[in-house]
Amino acid sequence: MANSMAAQLQQDMECEGLLECIHGLKQLDKDCFRAMVESEEPLTIDEVAERVDRERSTAYRSIQRLLQSGFIQKEQINYDQGGYYHVYHPTDPSQIADDMQRMLNDWYAKMGQLIHEFEDKYEQTDADVPAQG
């Protein structure tokens, strides 16, 4: 099983691997995130799509995943004559790191609970062990 925890612990992992491992982000999501990080100003969906050389609708879906995971923020810009558009910028890295640490702590606590339940369920009592004779 390639995605088992044991297999993951044996792999060399880079910090970008956290985006996949913890949030299930795809390569395109990472490319869009990098485009926003490397930009000095917030970007529109069209600008992100151009930078990652993808269709607008494909970039839009990736941006939605990044928004849901908290990696980017959306800001509304209003036109003076009415109407608006949205731009996107990366969330502060320390906030992202704090969120990932909190998620990891929650996961760790849940796994500890499941391990305890496993032990309780399958632990043999002295009465269950056949007498040696």
N, C-alpha and C. Protein backbone atom coordinates (compact mmCIF):
# COMPACT_ATOMS: atom_id res chain seq x y z
N MET A 1 0.86 -1.18 0.00
CA MET A 1 0.00 0.00 0.00
C MET A 1 0.90 1.24 0.00
N ALA A 2 0.96 1.94 -1.12
CA ALA A 2 1.89 3.05 -1.30
C ALA A 2 1.56 4.25 -0.42
N ASN A 3 0.29 4.42 -0.04
CA ASN A 3 -0.09 5.58 0.75
C ASN A 3 -0.16 5.28 2.24
N SER A 4 0.38 4.14 2.66
CA SER A 4 0.36 3.83 4.08
C SER A 4 1.28 4.78 4.83
N MET A 5 1.04 4.93 6.10
CA MET A 5 1.88 5.81 6.91
C MET A 5 3.31 5.31 6.91
N ALA A 6 3.51 4.00 7.00
CA ALA A 6 4.86 3.44 6.99
C ALA A 6 5.59 3.82 5.70
N ALA A 7 4.91 3.73 4.56
CA ALA A 7 5.52 4.09 3.28
C ALA A 7 5.83 5.58 3.23
N GLN A 8 4.94 6.40 3.74
CA GLN A 8 5.17 7.85 3.73
C GLN A 8 6.36 8.21 4.60
N LEU A 9 6.52 7.54 5.74
CA LEU A 9 7.64 7.85 6.63
C LEU A 9 8.98 7.46 6.03
N GLN A 10 8.97 6.49 5.11
CA GLN A 10 10.22 6.05 4.48
C GLN A 10 10.60 6.93 3.29
N GLN A 11 9.68 7.72 2.77
CA GLN A 11 9.95 8.58 1.63
C GLN A 11 10.69 9.83 2.06
N ASP A 12 11.51 10.34 1.14
CA ASP A 12 12.06 11.68 1.34
C ASP A 12 10.92 12.65 1.05
N MET A 13 10.71 13.59 1.95
CA MET A 13 9.60 14.51 1.77
C MET A 13 10.11 15.94 1.88
N GLU A 14 9.59 16.80 1.04
CA GLU A 14 9.91 18.22 1.10
C GLU A 14 8.72 18.95 1.69
N CYS A 15 8.93 20.19 2.10
CA CYS A 15 7.84 20.91 2.77
C CYS A 15 6.61 21.05 1.87
N GLU A 16 6.79 21.13 0.54
CA GLU A 16 5.64 21.22 -0.34
C GLU A 16 4.80 19.95 -0.30
N GLY A 17 5.41 18.84 0.12
CA GLY A 17 4.67 17.60 0.26
C GLY A 17 3.55 17.70 1.28
N LEU A 18 3.67 18.63 2.20
CA LEU A 18 2.61 18.85 3.18
C LEU A 18 1.32 19.30 2.51
N LEU A 19 1.45 20.04 1.42
CA LEU A 19 0.26 20.52 0.72
C LEU A 19 -0.55 19.34 0.21
N GLU A 20 0.14 18.32 -0.28
CA GLU A 20 -0.52 17.11 -0.75
C GLU A 20 -0.98 16.26 0.41
N CYS A 21 -0.07 16.00 1.32
CA CYS A 21 -0.30 15.07 2.42
C CYS A 21 -1.43 15.53 3.34
N ILE A 22 -1.39 16.76 3.76
CA ILE A 22 -2.37 17.25 4.74
C ILE A 22 -3.65 17.74 4.07
N HIS A 23 -3.52 18.42 2.92
CA HIS A 23 -4.69 19.04 2.30
C HIS A 23 -5.16 18.37 1.02
N GLY A 24 -4.42 17.38 0.52
CA GLY A 24 -4.83 16.70 -0.69
C GLY A 24 -4.76 17.57 -1.94
N LEU A 25 -3.89 18.57 -1.92
CA LEU A 25 -3.77 19.46 -3.07
C LEU A 25 -3.03 18.77 -4.21
N LYS A 26 -3.35 19.19 -5.43
CA LYS A 26 -2.75 18.61 -6.63
C LYS A 26 -1.59 19.49 -7.11
N GLN A 27 -0.86 18.98 -8.10
CA GLN A 27 0.27 19.74 -8.64
C GLN A 27 -0.18 21.10 -9.16
N LEU A 28 -1.31 21.16 -9.85
CA LEU A 28 -1.80 22.44 -10.36
C LEU A 28 -2.08 23.41 -9.21
N ASP A 29 -2.63 22.90 -8.11
CA ASP A 29 -2.90 23.75 -6.95
C ASP A 29 -1.60 24.35 -6.43
N LYS A 30 -0.56 23.52 -6.37
CA LYS A 30 0.75 24.00 -5.90
C LYS A 30 1.31 25.03 -6.87
N ASP A 31 1.11 24.81 -8.18
CA ASP A 31 1.59 25.76 -9.18
C ASP A 31 0.86 27.10 -9.05
N CYS A 32 -0.44 27.06 -8.85
CA CYS A 32 -1.22 28.30 -8.67
C CYS A 32 -0.79 29.02 -7.40
N PHE A 33 -0.60 28.27 -6.33
CA PHE A 33 -0.16 28.87 -5.07
C PHE A 33 1.20 29.55 -5.26
N ARG A 34 2.12 28.86 -5.92
CA ARG A 34 3.44 29.43 -6.16
C ARG A 34 3.35 30.71 -7.00
N ALA A 35 2.46 30.71 -8.00
CA ALA A 35 2.29 31.91 -8.84
C ALA A 35 1.86 33.10 -7.98
N MET A 36 0.98 32.85 -7.02
CA MET A 36 0.52 33.94 -6.15
C MET A 36 1.62 34.38 -5.18
N VAL A 37 2.37 33.41 -4.68
CA VAL A 37 3.46 33.74 -3.75
C VAL A 37 4.53 34.57 -4.46
N GLU A 38 4.81 34.23 -5.71
CA GLU A 38 5.87 34.92 -6.46
C GLU A 38 5.44 36.28 -7.00
N SER A 39 4.14 36.56 -6.98
CA SER A 39 3.63 37.84 -7.46
C SER A 39 3.74 38.89 -6.36
N GLU A 40 4.08 40.09 -6.76
CA GLU A 40 4.18 41.18 -5.77
C GLU A 40 2.81 41.78 -5.46
N GLU A 41 1.82 41.48 -6.30
CA GLU A 41 0.46 42.01 -6.10
C GLU A 41 -0.54 40.86 -6.17
N PRO A 42 -1.71 41.03 -5.59
CA PRO A 42 -2.75 40.01 -5.72
C PRO A 42 -3.10 39.79 -7.19
N LEU A 43 -3.54 38.59 -7.53
CA LEU A 43 -3.82 38.23 -8.91
C LEU A 43 -5.29 37.89 -9.11
N THR A 44 -5.78 38.16 -10.32
CA THR A 44 -7.12 37.71 -10.70
C THR A 44 -7.01 36.26 -11.17
N ILE A 45 -8.15 35.61 -11.33
CA ILE A 45 -8.14 34.24 -11.84
C ILE A 45 -7.51 34.20 -13.23
N ASP A 46 -7.82 35.17 -14.07
CA ASP A 46 -7.25 35.21 -15.42
C ASP A 46 -5.73 35.31 -15.37
N GLU A 47 -5.21 36.11 -14.45
CA GLU A 47 -3.75 36.25 -14.33
C GLU A 47 -3.11 34.95 -13.83
N VAL A 48 -3.75 34.29 -12.89
CA VAL A 48 -3.23 33.01 -12.41
C VAL A 48 -3.25 31.99 -13.55
N ALA A 49 -4.36 31.92 -14.28
CA ALA A 49 -4.49 30.98 -15.39
C ALA A 49 -3.38 31.20 -16.42
N GLU A 50 -3.09 32.46 -16.71
CA GLU A 50 -2.04 32.77 -17.67
C GLU A 50 -0.67 32.32 -17.15
N ARG A 51 -0.40 32.54 -15.88
CA ARG A 51 0.90 32.19 -15.30
C ARG A 51 1.14 30.69 -15.22
N VAL A 52 0.07 29.91 -15.07
CA VAL A 52 0.23 28.45 -15.00
C VAL A 52 -0.13 27.79 -16.33
N ASP A 53 -0.44 28.60 -17.33
CA ASP A 53 -0.74 28.13 -18.69
C ASP A 53 -1.88 27.11 -18.70
N ARG A 54 -2.99 27.49 -18.09
CA ARG A 54 -4.19 26.66 -18.05
C ARG A 54 -5.40 27.50 -18.41
N GLU A 55 -6.49 26.81 -18.73
CA GLU A 55 -7.76 27.49 -19.01
C GLU A 55 -8.26 28.15 -17.72
N ARG A 56 -9.04 29.21 -17.89
CA ARG A 56 -9.57 29.95 -16.75
C ARG A 56 -10.37 29.04 -15.82
N SER A 57 -11.22 28.17 -16.38
CA SER A 57 -12.07 27.31 -15.55
C SER A 57 -11.23 26.32 -14.74
N THR A 58 -10.14 25.85 -15.30
CA THR A 58 -9.25 24.92 -14.59
C THR A 58 -8.56 25.66 -13.44
N ALA A 59 -8.07 26.86 -13.72
CA ALA A 59 -7.43 27.66 -12.67
C ALA A 59 -8.45 28.01 -11.58
N TYR A 60 -9.69 28.31 -11.97
CA TYR A 60 -10.73 28.65 -11.00
C TYR A 60 -10.95 27.51 -10.01
N ARG A 61 -11.03 26.27 -10.51
CA ARG A 61 -11.24 25.12 -9.62
C ARG A 61 -10.07 24.96 -8.65
N SER A 62 -8.87 25.17 -9.14
CA SER A 62 -7.69 25.08 -8.29
C SER A 62 -7.71 26.17 -7.21
N ILE A 63 -8.08 27.36 -7.61
CA ILE A 63 -8.15 28.48 -6.66
C ILE A 63 -9.21 28.20 -5.59
N GLN A 64 -10.31 27.57 -5.99
CA GLN A 64 -11.35 27.22 -5.01
C GLN A 64 -10.81 26.23 -3.97
N ARG A 65 -10.01 25.26 -4.43
CA ARG A 65 -9.41 24.30 -3.48
C ARG A 65 -8.44 25.03 -2.54
N LEU A 66 -7.68 25.96 -3.07
CA LEU A 66 -6.73 26.72 -2.24
C LEU A 66 -7.48 27.59 -1.22
N LEU A 67 -8.59 28.18 -1.64
CA LEU A 67 -9.41 28.96 -0.71
C LEU A 67 -9.96 28.09 0.41
N GLN A 68 -10.50 26.92 0.05
CA GLN A 68 -11.08 26.02 1.04
C GLN A 68 -10.03 25.53 2.04
N SER A 69 -8.81 25.35 1.58
CA SER A 69 -7.76 24.86 2.48
C SER A 69 -7.13 25.99 3.29
N GLY A 70 -7.48 27.25 2.98
CA GLY A 70 -6.97 28.38 3.74
C GLY A 70 -5.61 28.89 3.26
N PHE A 71 -5.14 28.43 2.12
CA PHE A 71 -3.83 28.83 1.63
C PHE A 71 -3.84 30.21 0.98
N ILE A 72 -5.02 30.63 0.51
CA ILE A 72 -5.11 31.95 -0.12
C ILE A 72 -6.34 32.68 0.42
N GLN A 73 -6.35 33.97 0.17
CA GLN A 73 -7.46 34.83 0.58
C GLN A 73 -8.04 35.50 -0.65
N LYS A 74 -9.33 35.79 -0.62
CA LYS A 74 -10.01 36.47 -1.72
C LYS A 74 -10.36 37.88 -1.27
N GLU A 75 -10.16 38.83 -2.17
CA GLU A 75 -10.46 40.23 -1.86
C GLU A 75 -11.30 40.80 -3.00
N GLN A 76 -12.34 41.55 -2.66
CA GLN A 76 -13.18 42.18 -3.67
C GLN A 76 -12.67 43.58 -3.95
N ILE A 77 -12.49 43.90 -5.22
CA ILE A 77 -12.07 45.24 -5.65
C ILE A 77 -13.26 45.86 -6.38
N ASN A 78 -13.69 47.03 -5.91
CA ASN A 78 -14.84 47.71 -6.50
C ASN A 78 -14.38 48.72 -7.54
N TYR A 79 -15.08 48.72 -8.68
CA TYR A 79 -14.85 49.74 -9.71
C TYR A 79 -15.54 51.03 -9.28
N ASP A 80 -14.96 52.17 -9.62
CA ASP A 80 -15.58 53.46 -9.27
C ASP A 80 -16.95 53.61 -9.92
N GLN A 81 -17.10 53.13 -11.15
CA GLN A 81 -18.35 53.28 -11.88
C GLN A 81 -19.37 52.18 -11.56
N GLY A 82 -19.05 51.32 -10.60
CA GLY A 82 -19.94 50.22 -10.22
C GLY A 82 -19.38 48.90 -10.70
N GLY A 83 -19.76 47.86 -10.04
CA GLY A 83 -19.24 46.54 -10.36
C GLY A 83 -18.00 46.23 -9.53
N TYR A 84 -17.53 45.02 -9.66
CA TYR A 84 -16.36 44.60 -8.88
C TYR A 84 -15.70 43.40 -9.53
N TYR A 85 -14.54 43.07 -9.04
CA TYR A 85 -13.84 41.84 -9.42
C TYR A 85 -13.08 41.35 -8.20
N HIS A 86 -12.60 40.10 -8.27
CA HIS A 86 -11.87 39.52 -7.14
C HIS A 86 -10.41 39.33 -7.49
N VAL A 87 -9.58 39.52 -6.47
CA VAL A 87 -8.17 39.18 -6.57
C VAL A 87 -7.83 38.24 -5.43
N TYR A 88 -6.73 37.50 -5.60
CA TYR A 88 -6.35 36.46 -4.65
C TYR A 88 -4.90 36.66 -4.25
N HIS A 89 -4.63 36.42 -2.98
CA HIS A 89 -3.26 36.52 -2.48
C HIS A 89 -3.03 35.43 -1.43
N PRO A 90 -1.77 35.04 -1.26
CA PRO A 90 -1.49 33.96 -0.30
C PRO A 90 -1.75 34.40 1.14
N THR A 91 -2.18 33.45 1.93
CA THR A 91 -2.34 33.66 3.37
C THR A 91 -0.94 33.72 3.98
N ASP A 92 -0.80 34.42 5.09
CA ASP A 92 0.48 34.50 5.78
C ASP A 92 0.98 33.09 6.11
N PRO A 93 2.24 32.78 5.74
CA PRO A 93 2.77 31.42 5.95
C PRO A 93 2.69 30.96 7.41
N SER A 94 2.87 31.87 8.38
CA SER A 94 2.81 31.44 9.77
C SER A 94 1.39 31.01 10.15
N GLN A 95 0.38 31.65 9.56
CA GLN A 95 -1.01 31.24 9.82
C GLN A 95 -1.28 29.87 9.20
N ILE A 96 -0.77 29.64 7.98
CA ILE A 96 -0.92 28.34 7.34
C ILE A 96 -0.24 27.27 8.18
N ALA A 97 0.97 27.56 8.65
CA ALA A 97 1.72 26.60 9.47
C ALA A 97 0.96 26.30 10.77
N ASP A 98 0.41 27.33 11.41
CA ASP A 98 -0.37 27.13 12.64
C ASP A 98 -1.58 26.23 12.37
N ASP A 99 -2.26 26.48 11.25
CA ASP A 99 -3.44 25.67 10.90
C ASP A 99 -3.04 24.21 10.66
N MET A 100 -1.91 24.00 9.95
CA MET A 100 -1.46 22.63 9.70
C MET A 100 -1.04 21.96 11.01
N GLN A 101 -0.41 22.69 11.91
CA GLN A 101 -0.01 22.11 13.18
C GLN A 101 -1.23 21.71 14.00
N ARG A 102 -2.25 22.56 13.99
CA ARG A 102 -3.49 22.26 14.71
C ARG A 102 -4.15 21.01 14.11
N MET A 103 -4.17 20.92 12.78
CA MET A 103 -4.75 19.76 12.12
C MET A 103 -3.96 18.50 12.45
N LEU A 104 -2.64 18.60 12.47
CA LEU A 104 -1.79 17.46 12.82
C LEU A 104 -2.04 17.03 14.26
N ASN A 105 -2.17 17.98 15.17
CA ASN A 105 -2.44 17.66 16.58
C ASN A 105 -3.79 16.95 16.72
N ASP A 106 -4.79 17.43 15.98
CA ASP A 106 -6.12 16.79 16.01
C ASP A 106 -6.02 15.36 15.49
N TRP A 107 -5.28 15.19 14.37
CA TRP A 107 -5.10 13.86 13.78
C TRP A 107 -4.39 12.94 14.77
N TYR A 108 -3.34 13.44 15.42
CA TYR A 108 -2.57 12.66 16.38
C TYR A 108 -3.47 12.20 17.54
N ALA A 109 -4.30 13.11 18.03
CA ALA A 109 -5.20 12.76 19.13
C ALA A 109 -6.21 11.70 18.67
N LYS A 110 -6.73 11.84 17.47
CA LYS A 110 -7.69 10.86 16.94
C LYS A 110 -7.03 9.49 16.77
N MET A 111 -5.81 9.46 16.25
CA MET A 111 -5.10 8.19 16.07
C MET A 111 -4.80 7.55 17.43
N GLY A 112 -4.44 8.35 18.41
CA GLY A 112 -4.21 7.82 19.75
C GLY A 112 -5.46 7.18 20.31
N GLN A 113 -6.60 7.82 20.09
CA GLN A 113 -7.89 7.27 20.55
C GLN A 113 -8.19 5.95 19.85
N LEU A 114 -7.96 5.89 18.53
CA LEU A 114 -8.22 4.66 17.78
C LEU A 114 -7.29 3.53 18.21
N ILE A 115 -6.03 3.85 18.49
CA ILE A 115 -5.08 2.84 18.96
C ILE A 115 -5.55 2.29 20.32
N HIS A 116 -6.01 3.18 21.19
CA HIS A 116 -6.52 2.75 22.50
C HIS A 116 -7.75 1.86 22.32
N GLU A 117 -8.64 2.22 21.41
CA GLU A 117 -9.82 1.40 21.14
C GLU A 117 -9.41 0.03 20.59
N PHE A 118 -8.40 0.00 19.72
CA PHE A 118 -7.89 -1.25 19.17
C PHE A 118 -7.36 -2.13 20.30
N GLU A 119 -6.58 -1.55 21.18
CA GLU A 119 -6.00 -2.30 22.30
C GLU A 119 -7.11 -2.86 23.19
N ASP A 120 -8.12 -2.04 23.51
CA ASP A 120 -9.23 -2.50 24.35
C ASP A 120 -10.00 -3.64 23.68
N LYS A 121 -10.19 -3.53 22.38
CA LYS A 121 -10.99 -4.51 21.65
C LYS A 121 -10.27 -5.85 21.53
N TYR A 122 -8.97 -5.83 21.33
CA TYR A 122 -8.26 -7.07 21.02
C TYR A 122 -7.35 -7.57 22.15
N GLU A 123 -7.33 -6.87 23.25
CA GLU A 123 -6.49 -7.31 24.37
C GLU A 123 -7.08 -8.58 24.96
N GLN A 124 -6.23 -9.57 25.16
CA GLN A 124 -6.69 -10.83 25.75
C GLN A 124 -6.58 -10.72 27.26
N THR A 125 -7.59 -11.19 27.93
CA THR A 125 -7.54 -11.24 29.39
C THR A 125 -6.96 -12.58 29.79
N ASP A 126 -6.60 -12.72 31.06
CA ASP A 126 -6.02 -13.97 31.55
C ASP A 126 -7.01 -15.12 31.35
N ALA A 127 -8.29 -14.86 31.43
CA ALA A 127 -9.30 -15.91 31.26
C ALA A 127 -9.36 -16.39 29.80
N ASP A 128 -8.96 -15.53 28.85
CA ASP A 128 -9.01 -15.90 27.44
C ASP A 128 -7.82 -16.76 27.01
N VAL A 129 -6.73 -16.70 27.78
CA VAL A 129 -5.53 -17.41 27.39
C VAL A 129 -5.63 -18.86 27.86
N PRO A 130 -5.45 -19.85 26.95
CA PRO A 130 -5.55 -21.25 27.35
C PRO A 130 -4.42 -21.61 28.34
N ALA A 131 -4.74 -22.49 29.27
CA ALA A 131 -3.74 -22.88 30.29
C ALA A 131 -2.63 -23.68 29.62
N GLN A 132 -1.41 -23.40 30.00
CA GLN A 132 -0.24 -24.12 29.49
C GLN A 132 -0.02 -25.33 30.40
N GLY A 133 0.21 -26.51 29.86
CA GLY A 133 0.33 -27.62 30.76
C GLY A 133 1.30 -28.62 30.44
